[in-house]
N, C-alpha and C. Protein backbone atom coordinates (compact mmCIF):
# COMPACT_ATOMS: atom_id res chain seq x y z
N MET A 1 0.84 -1.20 0.00
CA MET A 1 0.00 0.00 0.00
C MET A 1 0.88 1.25 0.00
N ASN A 2 0.45 2.20 -0.73
CA ASN A 2 1.21 3.45 -0.72
C ASN A 2 0.72 4.36 0.42
N LEU A 3 1.41 5.44 0.60
CA LEU A 3 1.12 6.35 1.70
C LEU A 3 -0.29 6.92 1.61
N PHE A 4 -0.75 7.26 0.42
CA PHE A 4 -2.09 7.85 0.27
C PHE A 4 -3.17 6.86 0.69
N LYS A 5 -3.04 5.60 0.29
CA LYS A 5 -4.05 4.59 0.65
C LYS A 5 -4.06 4.34 2.15
N LYS A 6 -2.87 4.30 2.76
CA LYS A 6 -2.79 4.09 4.20
C LYS A 6 -3.43 5.25 4.96
N THR A 7 -3.20 6.46 4.47
CA THR A 7 -3.77 7.64 5.10
C THR A 7 -5.29 7.62 4.99
N MET A 8 -5.80 7.29 3.82
CA MET A 8 -7.25 7.22 3.62
C MET A 8 -7.87 6.14 4.50
N GLN A 9 -7.21 4.99 4.59
CA GLN A 9 -7.72 3.91 5.43
C GLN A 9 -7.76 4.35 6.89
N PHE A 10 -6.71 5.04 7.31
CA PHE A 10 -6.67 5.53 8.69
C PHE A 10 -7.86 6.43 8.99
N PHE A 11 -8.13 7.39 8.11
CA PHE A 11 -9.24 8.32 8.36
C PHE A 11 -10.59 7.63 8.28
N GLN A 12 -10.74 6.63 7.46
CA GLN A 12 -11.98 5.86 7.41
C GLN A 12 -12.19 5.10 8.72
N GLU A 13 -11.11 4.53 9.26
CA GLU A 13 -11.22 3.82 10.53
C GLU A 13 -11.52 4.77 11.68
N VAL A 14 -10.93 5.96 11.63
CA VAL A 14 -11.23 6.96 12.65
C VAL A 14 -12.70 7.34 12.61
N LYS A 15 -13.23 7.53 11.41
CA LYS A 15 -14.64 7.89 11.25
C LYS A 15 -15.54 6.78 11.81
N GLN A 16 -15.19 5.52 11.55
CA GLN A 16 -15.97 4.40 12.07
C GLN A 16 -15.94 4.38 13.59
N GLU A 17 -14.78 4.62 14.17
CA GLU A 17 -14.67 4.62 15.63
C GLU A 17 -15.44 5.77 16.25
N LEU A 18 -15.44 6.92 15.61
CA LEU A 18 -16.17 8.07 16.15
C LEU A 18 -17.68 7.84 16.16
N HIS A 19 -18.16 7.00 15.27
CA HIS A 19 -19.59 6.66 15.28
C HIS A 19 -19.94 5.78 16.47
N LYS A 20 -18.97 5.09 17.03
CA LYS A 20 -19.21 4.20 18.17
C LYS A 20 -19.18 4.95 19.50
N VAL A 21 -18.67 6.16 19.49
CA VAL A 21 -18.52 6.92 20.74
C VAL A 21 -19.88 7.31 21.29
N SER A 22 -20.02 7.18 22.60
CA SER A 22 -21.24 7.62 23.28
C SER A 22 -21.03 9.07 23.72
N TRP A 23 -21.53 10.01 22.93
CA TRP A 23 -21.32 11.42 23.21
C TRP A 23 -22.28 11.89 24.30
N PRO A 24 -21.83 12.78 25.22
CA PRO A 24 -22.73 13.28 26.27
C PRO A 24 -23.76 14.23 25.69
N SER A 25 -24.88 14.30 26.38
CA SER A 25 -25.91 15.26 25.96
C SER A 25 -25.45 16.67 26.37
N ARG A 26 -26.14 17.66 25.86
CA ARG A 26 -25.78 19.05 26.18
C ARG A 26 -25.89 19.29 27.68
N GLN A 27 -26.91 18.75 28.31
CA GLN A 27 -27.13 18.93 29.74
C GLN A 27 -26.01 18.26 30.55
N GLU A 28 -25.60 17.06 30.15
CA GLU A 28 -24.50 16.38 30.82
C GLU A 28 -23.20 17.16 30.68
N LEU A 29 -22.97 17.72 29.51
CA LEU A 29 -21.77 18.50 29.25
C LEU A 29 -21.73 19.77 30.10
N ILE A 30 -22.85 20.44 30.22
CA ILE A 30 -22.94 21.64 31.04
C ILE A 30 -22.70 21.29 32.51
N GLY A 31 -23.30 20.19 32.97
CA GLY A 31 -23.11 19.76 34.36
C GLY A 31 -21.67 19.41 34.65
N SER A 32 -21.03 18.69 33.75
CA SER A 32 -19.63 18.31 33.94
C SER A 32 -18.73 19.54 33.94
N THR A 33 -19.02 20.49 33.07
CA THR A 33 -18.23 21.72 33.01
C THR A 33 -18.36 22.50 34.31
N TYR A 34 -19.57 22.55 34.85
CA TYR A 34 -19.80 23.23 36.12
C TYR A 34 -18.99 22.58 37.24
N VAL A 35 -19.00 21.26 37.29
CA VAL A 35 -18.24 20.54 38.32
C VAL A 35 -16.75 20.84 38.19
N VAL A 36 -16.22 20.83 36.98
CA VAL A 36 -14.79 21.10 36.77
C VAL A 36 -14.45 22.52 37.21
N ILE A 37 -15.28 23.49 36.88
CA ILE A 37 -15.02 24.89 37.27
C ILE A 37 -15.05 25.04 38.78
N VAL A 38 -16.02 24.44 39.44
CA VAL A 38 -16.13 24.55 40.90
C VAL A 38 -14.94 23.88 41.59
N ILE A 39 -14.59 22.67 41.16
CA ILE A 39 -13.46 21.97 41.78
C ILE A 39 -12.16 22.73 41.54
N THR A 40 -11.99 23.29 40.35
CA THR A 40 -10.80 24.09 40.06
C THR A 40 -10.73 25.30 40.98
N GLY A 41 -11.83 25.96 41.21
CA GLY A 41 -11.87 27.11 42.13
C GLY A 41 -11.54 26.71 43.55
N ILE A 42 -12.09 25.59 44.00
CA ILE A 42 -11.82 25.11 45.36
C ILE A 42 -10.34 24.76 45.51
N MET A 43 -9.77 24.08 44.52
CA MET A 43 -8.36 23.71 44.59
C MET A 43 -7.47 24.96 44.56
N ALA A 44 -7.82 25.95 43.75
CA ALA A 44 -7.04 27.19 43.70
C ALA A 44 -7.08 27.90 45.05
N LEU A 45 -8.23 27.94 45.67
CA LEU A 45 -8.36 28.55 46.99
C LEU A 45 -7.54 27.80 48.03
N TYR A 46 -7.61 26.48 48.01
CA TYR A 46 -6.87 25.64 48.94
C TYR A 46 -5.36 25.85 48.77
N ILE A 47 -4.88 25.79 47.54
CA ILE A 47 -3.45 25.97 47.28
C ILE A 47 -3.01 27.39 47.66
N GLY A 48 -3.85 28.38 47.39
CA GLY A 48 -3.53 29.75 47.76
C GLY A 48 -3.40 29.91 49.27
N ILE A 49 -4.30 29.32 50.03
CA ILE A 49 -4.25 29.41 51.49
C ILE A 49 -2.99 28.72 52.02
N ILE A 50 -2.71 27.52 51.51
CA ILE A 50 -1.50 26.81 51.93
C ILE A 50 -0.25 27.63 51.58
N ASP A 51 -0.23 28.25 50.42
CA ASP A 51 0.91 29.07 50.01
C ASP A 51 1.11 30.25 50.96
N ILE A 52 0.03 30.90 51.34
CA ILE A 52 0.13 32.04 52.26
C ILE A 52 0.69 31.58 53.60
N PHE A 53 0.16 30.48 54.15
CA PHE A 53 0.64 29.99 55.43
C PHE A 53 2.11 29.57 55.36
N LEU A 54 2.50 28.89 54.31
CA LEU A 54 3.89 28.45 54.19
C LEU A 54 4.84 29.63 54.01
N SER A 55 4.43 30.63 53.24
CA SER A 55 5.31 31.79 53.06
C SER A 55 5.46 32.57 54.36
N LYS A 56 4.39 32.70 55.13
CA LYS A 56 4.48 33.38 56.44
C LYS A 56 5.37 32.57 57.37
N PHE A 57 5.19 31.26 57.41
CA PHE A 57 5.98 30.40 58.27
C PHE A 57 7.46 30.47 57.91
N LEU A 58 7.77 30.38 56.63
CA LEU A 58 9.17 30.41 56.20
C LEU A 58 9.80 31.79 56.43
N SER A 59 9.01 32.84 56.31
CA SER A 59 9.58 34.18 56.57
C SER A 59 9.92 34.34 58.06
N VAL A 60 9.15 33.71 58.93
CA VAL A 60 9.44 33.74 60.36
C VAL A 60 10.66 32.88 60.67
N VAL A 61 10.75 31.70 60.06
CA VAL A 61 11.85 30.77 60.33
C VAL A 61 13.17 31.36 59.85
N PHE A 62 13.20 31.95 58.68
CA PHE A 62 14.45 32.45 58.12
C PHE A 62 14.75 33.92 58.45
N ARG A 63 14.04 34.47 59.37
CA ARG A 63 14.27 35.85 59.76
C ARG A 63 15.43 35.98 60.66
């Protein structure tokens, strides 16, 4: 097989596989996005608080 035929076969197989995918509904996608945004915000807040405490602690230790 030449390169063109292999490339075409690859894209045909990709298309077949994409038809098998169970895509989420719009409502599921919105819900999942909301969860990701909320968890990201919580983690950012947590890491920020830990960073503040550690920087204060280290500034006292190395003073």
